[in-house]
Amino acid sequence: MTSVSALSSSAISSQVSTYETKLQAPITQLKAQITTDKADISAWGKVSGVISTLSQSLSSIKNVGSINSKSATTSAATVATVAADNTAAAGNYNLTNVKLAKSQEIYSSLLGSGAASLSGGQGSLVFSLDSGKSETISVGSGSLTLNGVAAAINKQAGGVQASVIGTAAGARLVLQSSGTGSSAAFTVSGTGALSQFDFNPSSSTANSNEISAQSAADASLTLNGVPIVSASNTLSSAITGVTISLVGSGNAALAVSSAPTNLSNSVQGVATSLNAAISTIAAETKYTPASSASGSASSAVSGPLLGNFSATELKNELMTSVSGLAASGVSAGAVGLSINSAGAVSFNATSFASEYAKNPTAVQNLVTDLYKTLDSITTNAIGGSGSSTSSTGTAAKNTGFISAQTASLNGIITSIQSQITQLTKQDTAQIQNLINEYTIAETKASSASITQTYLNIFSSTSSSSG
């Protein structure tokens, strides 16, 4: 506002200041409204955050059928380990006389070093696998060392892999089949400098420089008395839904059972997020009456969203999602999910496991219903990935009512700020006009006073002359 400090009359200045304060009152009220609206927006932001977290936690129970609810154990982890998925049937399985599948491994006689040149000229190696596959590795004269041969073989990334083992006495080329099982067995035929690596167990002359460290073999065992032979030490089809990994020879007992640990952990996560959402809304809608406890008086405090129907309804819907939950004869309380009168959600994993053991299908149906209810509530509040149809029949993105509330509040704030700007201009003009009027009046009064003074002087002089 324009200063009136230049005016000579303190009374006039005081009157202008009083008028200025009167004009400022509506603006002060409008600014207070903006503060309130911004507090509401902040509160909705907090609510939106916890609802978003709740929505994200729901993804863990969206497809209950895909959550692994089976557990598998082994009596001898040094013989076999086991894992089961949802398709596995509960049961006990005995593995006996387990023998591991093996790869073939041969090594050469001692040579100078891994970097020493091989004599005999460039050549090639041909690996013939028992699976019927044949692989040819060519090695140029510039790579005729054990290291060069090993690199060329590994670059092929075929049925045989190579390494060089160095010792104080020299180096050896080690060849090993990439896979296990009898079909991984191989013979070697070389030309040029590589002919020294020839190996064929059925020939009396083709393996004079190669030594067999291990022969390729299939895994063998009996499963509940049924013989099984496998080229791999991983058995993925012996028992439906069960993967057995053989790690040693001997016997092992396996057990597959229902175990809702993963589902229980997912429900616990949802309960935690739900509890946070309800408590946050409760804080933003809370009313704390005035108090004089402990000798210090305090004013009543109202949450920003106190009396807001949408916030209150959202809280009630979230609470009812638990208190009213039931499916297939099973209630929320039966699976350890409960809510007290204050809105605090709790979850008991032991109760959940107990009820699941009695009726897993009913519990899964209950969790599915919980997902559907909460998904609908959160989508209505903060929107979702889908879209809705507007009144004009066109597709419109569903952004949720919280976004609509904050958008409305932001619109109101913008409108109020515009009003404040307009009122400020009007008030400034009115104050300036008032100051100008007072200035003119004061100037006229001053002129009149000067004129009166001259008249008085003239009158006094005339009287003296007489």
Protein backbone atom coordinates (compact mmCIF):
# COMPACT_ATOMS: atom_id res chain seq x y z
CA MET A 1 0.00 0.00 0.00
CA THR A 2 1.07 3.62 -0.60
CA SER A 3 2.80 5.28 2.34
CA VAL A 4 1.23 8.43 3.74
CA SER A 5 4.22 9.42 5.82
CA ALA A 6 4.67 12.50 3.65
CA LEU A 7 1.38 14.00 4.82
CA SER A 8 1.82 16.72 7.37
CA SER A 9 -1.27 15.84 9.39
CA SER A 10 -0.90 12.82 11.68
CA ALA A 11 -4.66 12.64 12.04
CA ILE A 12 -5.11 12.31 8.29
CA SER A 13 -2.37 9.65 8.16
CA SER A 14 -4.08 7.69 10.90
CA GLN A 15 -7.41 7.82 9.10
CA VAL A 16 -5.84 6.61 5.84
CA SER A 17 -4.13 3.74 7.70
CA THR A 18 -7.42 2.72 9.27
CA TYR A 19 -9.12 2.72 5.90
CA GLU A 20 -6.25 0.72 4.44
CA THR A 21 -6.63 -1.95 7.16
CA LYS A 22 -10.35 -2.15 6.44
CA LEU A 23 -9.66 -2.73 2.73
CA GLN A 24 -7.05 -5.41 3.58
CA ALA A 25 -9.49 -7.54 5.62
CA PRO A 26 -11.07 -9.40 2.65
CA ILE A 27 -7.59 -10.14 1.25
CA THR A 28 -6.49 -11.52 4.63
CA GLN A 29 -9.51 -13.83 4.61
CA LEU A 30 -8.75 -14.99 1.08
CA LYS A 31 -5.12 -15.73 2.01
CA ALA A 32 -6.32 -17.76 4.98
CA GLN A 33 -8.52 -19.77 2.60
CA ILE A 34 -5.49 -20.47 0.40
CA THR A 35 -3.57 -21.72 3.45
CA THR A 36 -6.45 -24.05 4.30
CA ASP A 37 -6.74 -25.33 0.73
CA LYS A 38 -2.99 -25.97 0.55
CA ALA A 39 -3.19 -27.94 3.79
CA ASP A 40 -5.96 -30.03 2.22
CA ILE A 41 -3.84 -30.65 -0.87
CA SER A 42 -0.90 -31.73 1.31
CA ALA A 43 -3.17 -34.08 3.26
CA TRP A 44 -4.51 -35.62 0.06
CA GLY A 45 -0.91 -36.07 -1.08
CA LYS A 46 -0.15 -38.12 2.03
CA VAL A 47 -3.29 -40.21 1.53
CA SER A 48 -2.48 -40.74 -2.13
CA GLY A 49 1.00 -41.95 -1.19
CA VAL A 50 -0.18 -44.64 1.22
CA ILE A 51 -2.96 -45.74 -1.14
CA SER A 52 -0.37 -46.08 -3.91
CA THR A 53 1.79 -48.24 -1.63
CA LEU A 54 -1.23 -50.38 -0.81
CA SER A 55 -2.02 -50.73 -4.51
CA GLN A 56 1.52 -51.88 -5.22
CA SER A 57 1.40 -54.47 -2.43
CA LEU A 58 -1.75 -55.95 -3.98
CA SER A 59 0.26 -57.19 -6.97
CA SER A 60 1.66 -59.93 -4.72
CA ILE A 61 -1.81 -61.48 -4.28
CA LYS A 62 -3.27 -60.68 -7.70
CA ASN A 63 -2.77 -64.21 -9.02
CA VAL A 64 -3.03 -66.46 -5.99
CA GLY A 65 -2.76 -69.56 -8.14
CA SER A 66 0.71 -68.54 -9.30
CA ILE A 67 2.06 -68.16 -5.75
CA ASN A 68 4.06 -71.24 -4.82
CA SER A 69 2.28 -72.96 -1.95
CA LYS A 70 4.36 -76.14 -1.86
CA SER A 71 7.41 -76.99 0.18
CA ALA A 72 9.95 -79.73 -0.53
CA THR A 73 12.58 -81.11 1.84
CA THR A 74 15.35 -83.68 1.65
CA SER A 75 16.86 -85.92 4.29
CA ALA A 76 20.31 -85.84 2.67
CA ALA A 77 21.34 -82.60 1.00
CA THR A 78 24.72 -84.18 0.14
CA VAL A 79 22.89 -86.68 -2.08
CA ALA A 80 19.99 -84.68 -3.52
CA THR A 81 18.27 -81.30 -3.15
CA VAL A 82 14.66 -80.70 -4.15
CA ALA A 83 12.26 -77.88 -5.10
CA ALA A 84 8.52 -78.02 -5.80
CA ASP A 85 6.05 -75.73 -7.55
CA ASN A 86 2.27 -75.42 -7.29
CA THR A 87 1.63 -78.38 -9.59
CA ALA A 88 3.40 -80.82 -7.28
CA ALA A 89 1.33 -83.30 -5.33
CA ALA A 90 2.06 -83.75 -1.65
CA GLY A 91 3.86 -87.00 -0.94
CA ASN A 92 7.02 -88.82 0.15
CA TYR A 93 9.64 -90.13 -2.24
CA ASN A 94 12.64 -92.36 -1.62
CA LEU A 95 15.76 -92.17 -3.75
CA THR A 96 18.08 -95.18 -3.48
CA ASN A 97 21.36 -96.21 -5.05
CA VAL A 98 21.93 -92.76 -6.51
CA LYS A 99 24.86 -92.56 -8.91
CA LEU A 100 25.73 -89.27 -10.58
CA ALA A 101 25.85 -88.56 -14.30
CA LYS A 102 29.41 -87.80 -15.37
CA SER A 103 31.18 -86.05 -18.20
CA GLN A 104 34.09 -87.56 -20.11
CA GLU A 105 37.53 -86.19 -19.30
CA ILE A 106 40.91 -86.94 -20.87
CA TYR A 107 44.29 -85.27 -20.62
CA SER A 108 47.47 -85.29 -22.66
CA SER A 109 50.95 -86.36 -21.75
CA LEU A 110 53.26 -83.71 -20.33
CA LEU A 111 54.46 -81.09 -22.78
CA GLY A 112 56.91 -78.26 -22.29
CA SER A 113 54.50 -75.45 -21.35
CA GLY A 114 51.21 -73.93 -22.32
CA ALA A 115 52.97 -71.37 -24.49
CA ALA A 116 55.50 -73.74 -26.10
CA SER A 117 55.09 -74.35 -29.84
CA LEU A 118 53.83 -77.73 -31.00
CA SER A 119 55.79 -79.45 -33.74
CA GLY A 120 54.20 -81.03 -36.77
CA GLY A 121 52.57 -78.08 -38.56
CA GLN A 122 49.06 -76.67 -38.59
CA GLY A 123 46.17 -79.08 -38.48
CA SER A 124 42.73 -79.76 -37.13
CA LEU A 125 40.90 -81.74 -34.45
CA VAL A 126 37.71 -83.69 -35.09
CA PHE A 127 35.51 -84.50 -32.08
CA SER A 128 33.02 -87.31 -32.69
CA LEU A 129 30.35 -87.44 -29.97
CA ASP A 130 28.31 -90.53 -29.16
CA SER A 131 25.23 -88.38 -29.73
CA GLY A 132 26.15 -88.54 -33.43
CA LYS A 133 27.40 -84.97 -33.66
CA SER A 134 30.83 -84.20 -35.17
CA GLU A 135 32.81 -80.99 -34.64
CA THR A 136 35.98 -79.83 -36.43
CA ILE A 137 38.44 -77.37 -34.91
CA SER A 138 41.12 -75.88 -37.17
CA VAL A 139 44.27 -74.39 -35.65
CA GLY A 140 46.65 -72.25 -37.70
CA SER A 141 50.42 -72.27 -37.40
CA GLY A 142 50.38 -69.09 -35.34
CA SER A 143 48.27 -70.74 -32.63
CA LEU A 144 50.09 -74.07 -32.35
CA THR A 145 50.52 -74.03 -28.57
CA LEU A 146 48.51 -75.76 -25.86
CA ASN A 147 47.01 -72.39 -24.94
CA GLY A 148 46.17 -71.68 -28.59
CA VAL A 149 44.55 -75.09 -29.09
CA ALA A 150 42.47 -74.69 -25.90
CA ALA A 151 41.33 -71.22 -26.98
CA ALA A 152 40.29 -72.49 -30.44
CA ILE A 153 38.28 -75.35 -28.90
CA ASN A 154 36.48 -73.11 -26.40
CA LYS A 155 35.71 -70.53 -29.06
CA GLN A 156 33.69 -73.22 -30.84
CA ALA A 157 31.56 -73.60 -27.68
CA GLY A 158 30.58 -77.08 -28.76
CA GLY A 159 30.37 -80.48 -27.13
CA VAL A 160 33.95 -80.39 -25.82
CA GLN A 161 35.67 -77.78 -23.70
CA ALA A 162 39.39 -77.44 -23.03
CA SER A 163 41.82 -76.16 -20.41
CA VAL A 164 45.55 -76.22 -19.81
CA ILE A 165 46.94 -77.38 -16.48
CA GLY A 166 50.51 -76.35 -15.75
CA THR A 167 52.81 -78.17 -13.35
CA ALA A 168 56.46 -77.91 -12.42
CA ALA A 169 57.12 -80.82 -14.77
CA GLY A 170 55.24 -79.35 -17.72
CA ALA A 171 51.72 -78.68 -19.03
CA ARG A 172 48.80 -80.86 -20.08
CA LEU A 173 45.82 -80.22 -22.40
CA VAL A 174 42.62 -81.33 -20.66
CA LEU A 175 39.54 -82.11 -22.74
CA GLN A 176 36.11 -82.52 -21.12
CA SER A 177 32.66 -83.03 -22.58
CA SER A 178 30.39 -80.02 -22.08
CA GLY A 179 27.54 -82.21 -20.89
CA THR A 180 27.07 -85.32 -18.84
CA GLY A 181 25.68 -88.72 -19.70
CA SER A 182 26.80 -91.52 -21.94
CA SER A 183 25.83 -89.60 -25.08
CA ALA A 184 28.43 -86.95 -24.17
CA ALA A 185 31.31 -89.42 -24.74
CA PHE A 186 33.66 -88.42 -27.56
CA THR A 187 36.67 -89.53 -29.61
CA VAL A 188 39.40 -87.29 -30.98
CA SER A 189 41.13 -87.43 -34.36
CA GLY A 190 43.83 -84.91 -35.25
CA THR A 191 46.05 -83.93 -38.16
CA GLY A 192 49.43 -82.21 -38.27
CA ALA A 193 50.72 -81.16 -34.85
CA LEU A 194 47.32 -82.01 -33.37
CA SER A 195 47.51 -85.71 -34.22
CA GLN A 196 49.22 -86.29 -30.86
CA PHE A 197 45.85 -85.66 -29.19
CA ASP A 198 44.12 -88.58 -30.93
CA PHE A 199 41.89 -90.56 -28.59
CA ASN A 200 39.66 -93.54 -29.29
CA PRO A 201 39.11 -96.15 -26.55
CA SER A 202 38.22 -98.76 -29.14
CA SER A 203 41.55 -98.31 -30.95
CA SER A 204 44.84 -99.64 -29.68
CA THR A 205 46.88 -96.91 -31.41
CA ALA A 206 44.77 -93.73 -31.24
CA ASN A 207 45.36 -92.82 -27.60
CA SER A 208 49.05 -93.34 -26.97
CA ASN A 209 49.46 -89.76 -25.67
CA GLU A 210 46.00 -89.32 -24.08
CA ILE A 211 44.96 -90.54 -20.68
CA SER A 212 41.33 -91.12 -19.64
CA ALA A 213 40.53 -89.45 -16.32
CA GLN A 214 36.79 -90.14 -16.33
CA SER A 215 34.33 -91.84 -18.62
CA ALA A 216 30.97 -90.32 -19.53
CA ALA A 217 28.10 -91.98 -17.69
CA ASP A 218 24.36 -91.59 -17.09
CA ALA A 219 22.91 -90.94 -13.65
CA SER A 220 21.07 -93.91 -12.21
CA LEU A 221 18.82 -94.40 -9.20
CA THR A 222 15.52 -95.84 -8.09
CA LEU A 223 12.60 -93.61 -7.16
CA ASN A 224 10.18 -95.42 -4.83
CA GLY A 225 11.55 -98.63 -6.32
CA VAL A 226 11.25 -97.51 -9.98
CA PRO A 227 14.60 -97.44 -11.86
CA ILE A 228 15.54 -94.14 -13.49
CA VAL A 229 18.37 -93.36 -15.88
CA SER A 230 19.20 -89.76 -16.81
CA ALA A 231 21.91 -88.06 -18.84
CA SER A 232 21.66 -85.10 -16.45
CA ASN A 233 21.95 -84.76 -12.69
CA THR A 234 18.84 -82.55 -12.75
CA LEU A 235 15.60 -84.51 -12.83
CA SER A 236 12.73 -82.21 -13.80
CA SER A 237 10.17 -84.73 -15.03
CA ALA A 238 10.51 -87.69 -12.68
CA ILE A 239 7.84 -86.20 -10.38
CA THR A 240 5.31 -83.64 -11.67
CA GLY A 241 6.10 -80.19 -10.33
CA VAL A 242 9.25 -81.36 -8.56
CA THR A 243 12.86 -80.68 -9.55
CA ILE A 244 15.49 -83.01 -8.09
CA SER A 245 19.16 -82.08 -8.23
CA LEU A 246 21.55 -84.98 -7.68
CA VAL A 247 24.75 -83.92 -5.94
CA GLY A 248 26.23 -87.15 -4.62
CA SER A 249 25.91 -90.91 -4.40
CA GLY A 250 23.77 -92.63 -1.78
CA ASN A 251 20.17 -92.55 -0.59
CA ALA A 252 17.78 -89.69 0.24
CA ALA A 253 14.17 -89.29 1.35
CA LEU A 254 12.19 -86.40 -0.18
CA ALA A 255 8.95 -84.90 1.11
CA VAL A 256 6.54 -82.52 -0.65
CA SER A 257 3.83 -80.78 1.37
CA SER A 258 1.51 -77.79 1.31
CA ALA A 259 3.20 -74.74 2.79
CA PRO A 260 1.52 -71.33 2.39
CA THR A 261 4.60 -69.39 3.49
CA ASN A 262 4.84 -67.33 0.31
CA LEU A 263 1.12 -66.56 0.28
CA SER A 264 1.20 -65.75 3.99
CA ASN A 265 4.09 -63.32 3.50
CA SER A 266 2.17 -61.63 0.68
CA VAL A 267 -0.94 -61.20 2.83
CA GLN A 268 1.24 -59.83 5.63
CA GLY A 269 2.59 -57.21 3.24
CA VAL A 270 -0.92 -56.18 2.20
CA ALA A 271 -2.03 -55.99 5.85
CA THR A 272 0.92 -53.74 6.69
CA SER A 273 0.17 -51.39 3.77
CA LEU A 274 -3.55 -51.39 4.60
CA ASN A 275 -2.81 -50.52 8.21
CA ALA A 276 -0.62 -47.58 7.11
CA ALA A 277 -3.34 -46.31 4.76
CA ILE A 278 -6.08 -46.40 7.40
CA SER A 279 -3.92 -44.76 10.08
CA THR A 280 -2.84 -41.97 7.70
CA ILE A 281 -6.42 -41.13 6.74
CA ALA A 282 -7.39 -41.26 10.42
CA ALA A 283 -4.68 -38.71 11.26
CA GLU A 284 -5.80 -36.34 8.49
CA THR A 285 -9.46 -36.50 9.59
CA LYS A 286 -8.88 -36.48 13.34
CA TYR A 287 -10.36 -33.97 15.77
CA THR A 288 -8.49 -33.34 19.03
CA PRO A 289 -10.55 -31.33 21.54
CA ALA A 290 -9.07 -28.54 23.64
CA SER A 291 -7.26 -29.78 26.73
CA SER A 292 -5.82 -28.37 29.94
CA ALA A 293 -4.01 -31.51 30.95
CA SER A 294 -0.73 -31.23 32.88
CA GLY A 295 -1.55 -27.62 33.68
CA SER A 296 -0.96 -26.40 30.11
CA ALA A 297 -4.02 -25.50 28.07
CA SER A 298 -4.14 -26.40 24.37
CA SER A 299 -6.53 -25.42 21.63
CA ALA A 300 -8.65 -27.89 19.72
CA VAL A 301 -6.94 -29.27 16.62
CA SER A 302 -8.70 -30.44 13.47
CA GLY A 303 -7.14 -32.54 10.75
CA PRO A 304 -7.15 -30.90 7.30
CA LEU A 305 -9.67 -33.42 5.96
CA LEU A 306 -11.97 -33.44 8.97
CA GLY A 307 -15.56 -33.51 7.67
CA ASN A 308 -14.45 -34.41 4.15
CA PHE A 309 -16.94 -37.05 2.98
CA SER A 310 -14.59 -38.64 0.42
CA ALA A 311 -11.80 -39.13 2.97
CA THR A 312 -14.13 -40.55 5.59
CA GLU A 313 -15.77 -42.89 3.07
CA LEU A 314 -12.38 -44.09 1.85
CA LYS A 315 -11.33 -44.96 5.40
CA ASN A 316 -14.61 -46.80 6.04
CA GLU A 317 -14.27 -48.82 2.82
CA LEU A 318 -10.73 -49.86 3.73
CA MET A 319 -11.81 -50.98 7.19
CA THR A 320 -14.79 -52.89 5.80
CA SER A 321 -12.52 -54.72 3.34
CA VAL A 322 -11.27 -56.68 6.36
CA SER A 323 -14.19 -56.66 8.77
CA GLY A 324 -16.61 -57.83 6.07
CA LEU A 325 -14.28 -60.28 4.34
CA ALA A 326 -15.50 -63.87 3.95
CA ALA A 327 -15.39 -66.53 1.24
CA SER A 328 -16.23 -70.22 0.94
CA GLY A 329 -17.19 -70.42 4.60
CA VAL A 330 -13.93 -68.84 5.80
CA SER A 331 -13.78 -65.41 7.46
CA ALA A 332 -10.94 -62.95 7.72
CA GLY A 333 -10.60 -63.70 11.43
CA ALA A 334 -10.17 -67.42 10.74
CA VAL A 335 -7.03 -66.72 8.67
CA GLY A 336 -5.61 -64.34 11.27
CA LEU A 337 -6.61 -61.10 9.55
CA SER A 338 -8.43 -58.71 11.87
CA ILE A 339 -9.14 -55.03 12.51
CA ASN A 340 -10.06 -53.34 15.79
CA SER A 341 -12.45 -50.45 16.41
CA ALA A 342 -9.60 -47.95 16.07
CA GLY A 343 -8.85 -49.22 12.58
CA ALA A 344 -5.62 -51.07 13.38
CA VAL A 345 -5.10 -54.08 11.08
CA SER A 346 -3.22 -57.14 12.34
CA PHE A 347 -2.23 -60.46 10.78
CA ASN A 348 -1.39 -63.78 12.45
CA ALA A 349 0.67 -66.06 10.22
CA THR A 350 0.15 -69.06 12.51
CA SER A 351 -3.64 -68.81 12.23
CA PHE A 352 -3.28 -68.40 8.48
CA ALA A 353 -1.18 -71.56 8.15
CA SER A 354 -3.58 -73.51 10.36
CA GLU A 355 -6.64 -72.56 8.30
CA TYR A 356 -4.77 -73.14 5.05
CA ALA A 357 -3.92 -76.67 6.13
CA LYS A 358 -7.64 -77.35 6.68
CA ASN A 359 -8.96 -75.81 3.47
CA PRO A 360 -6.37 -74.31 1.09
CA THR A 361 -8.90 -73.62 -1.68
CA ALA A 362 -11.19 -71.62 0.61
CA VAL A 363 -8.26 -69.58 1.92
CA GLN A 364 -7.09 -68.86 -1.63
CA ASN A 365 -10.63 -67.74 -2.54
CA LEU A 366 -10.65 -65.44 0.49
CA VAL A 367 -7.35 -63.84 -0.50
CA THR A 368 -8.62 -63.40 -4.06
CA ASP A 369 -11.72 -61.60 -2.74
CA LEU A 370 -9.51 -59.38 -0.60
CA TYR A 371 -7.52 -58.44 -3.69
CA LYS A 372 -10.62 -57.65 -5.73
CA THR A 373 -12.12 -55.46 -2.98
CA LEU A 374 -8.97 -53.48 -2.27
CA ASP A 375 -8.07 -53.18 -5.95
CA SER A 376 -11.47 -51.60 -6.61
CA ILE A 377 -11.04 -49.19 -3.68
CA THR A 378 -7.52 -48.11 -4.60
CA THR A 379 -8.38 -47.74 -8.29
CA ASN A 380 -11.32 -45.52 -7.42
CA ALA A 381 -9.04 -43.42 -5.20
CA ILE A 382 -5.90 -43.02 -7.30
CA GLY A 383 -6.87 -44.47 -10.67
CA GLY A 384 -5.37 -47.39 -12.50
CA SER A 385 -3.80 -48.51 -15.75
CA GLY A 386 -7.18 -48.98 -17.39
CA SER A 387 -9.53 -46.34 -18.73
CA SER A 388 -13.16 -45.47 -18.33
CA THR A 389 -15.74 -44.12 -20.78
CA SER A 390 -16.68 -40.46 -20.49
CA SER A 391 -20.17 -39.02 -20.90
CA THR A 392 -19.34 -38.26 -24.51
CA GLY A 393 -18.55 -41.90 -25.21
CA THR A 394 -14.79 -41.35 -25.61
CA ALA A 395 -12.14 -43.20 -23.64
CA ALA A 396 -10.91 -41.30 -20.58
CA LYS A 397 -8.06 -42.25 -18.29
CA ASN A 398 -9.18 -43.11 -14.77
CA THR A 399 -7.12 -40.88 -12.47
CA GLY A 400 -9.16 -41.39 -9.28
CA PHE A 401 -11.13 -39.04 -7.07
CA ILE A 402 -8.07 -37.88 -5.07
CA SER A 403 -6.63 -36.35 -8.22
CA ALA A 404 -9.99 -34.71 -8.89
CA GLN A 405 -10.08 -33.31 -5.34
CA THR A 406 -6.60 -31.81 -5.59
CA ALA A 407 -7.27 -30.46 -9.08
CA SER A 408 -10.39 -28.74 -7.77
CA LEU A 409 -8.48 -27.26 -4.82
CA ASN A 410 -5.70 -26.02 -7.10
CA GLY A 411 -8.33 -24.40 -9.30
CA ILE A 412 -9.86 -22.66 -6.30
CA ILE A 413 -6.43 -21.42 -5.18
CA THR A 414 -5.73 -20.01 -8.64
CA SER A 415 -9.08 -18.24 -8.64
CA ILE A 416 -8.51 -16.80 -5.15
CA GLN A 417 -5.04 -15.58 -6.10
CA SER A 418 -6.60 -13.83 -9.07
CA GLN A 419 -9.14 -12.18 -6.74
CA ILE A 420 -6.36 -11.07 -4.40
CA THR A 421 -4.45 -9.51 -7.29
CA GLN A 422 -7.55 -7.62 -8.45
CA LEU A 423 -8.49 -6.47 -4.94
CA THR A 424 -4.92 -5.32 -4.29
CA LYS A 425 -5.01 -3.16 -7.41
CA GLN A 426 -8.39 -1.71 -6.46
CA ASP A 427 -7.32 -1.05 -2.86
CA THR A 428 -4.10 0.61 -3.98
CA ALA A 429 -6.06 2.90 -6.28
CA GLN A 430 -8.63 3.75 -3.59
CA ILE A 431 -5.94 4.54 -1.01
CA GLN A 432 -4.09 6.69 -3.50
CA ASN A 433 -7.31 8.56 -4.35
CA LEU A 434 -7.99 9.12 -0.67
CA ILE A 435 -4.47 10.39 -0.11
CA ASN A 436 -4.84 12.73 -3.07
CA GLU A 437 -8.16 14.06 -1.75
CA TYR A 438 -6.70 14.64 1.69
CA THR A 439 -3.69 16.34 0.12
CA ILE A 440 -5.89 18.69 -1.93
CA ALA A 441 -8.06 19.41 1.08
CA GLU A 442 -5.04 20.06 3.25
CA THR A 443 -3.55 22.34 0.60
CA LYS A 444 -6.79 24.33 0.37
CA ALA A 445 -7.02 24.56 4.12
CA SER A 446 -3.46 25.82 4.27
CA SER A 447 -4.20 28.50 1.63
CA ALA A 448 -7.30 29.60 3.49
CA SER A 449 -5.30 29.85 6.68
CA ILE A 450 -2.66 32.01 4.99
CA THR A 451 -5.36 34.29 3.52
CA GLN A 452 -6.97 34.65 6.94
CA THR A 453 -3.65 35.53 8.45
CA TYR A 454 -3.13 38.33 5.90
CA LEU A 455 -6.65 39.63 6.49
CA ASN A 456 -6.05 39.70 10.20
CA ILE A 457 -2.81 41.61 9.72
CA PHE A 458 -4.53 44.09 7.34
CA SER A 459 -7.41 44.58 9.72
CA SER A 460 -5.07 45.17 12.62
CA THR A 461 -3.09 47.76 10.65
CA SER A 462 -6.23 49.64 9.63
CA SER A 463 -7.42 49.91 13.20
CA SER A 464 -4.09 51.32 14.36
CA SER A 465 -4.17 54.03 11.68
CA GLY A 466 -7.59 55.22 12.81
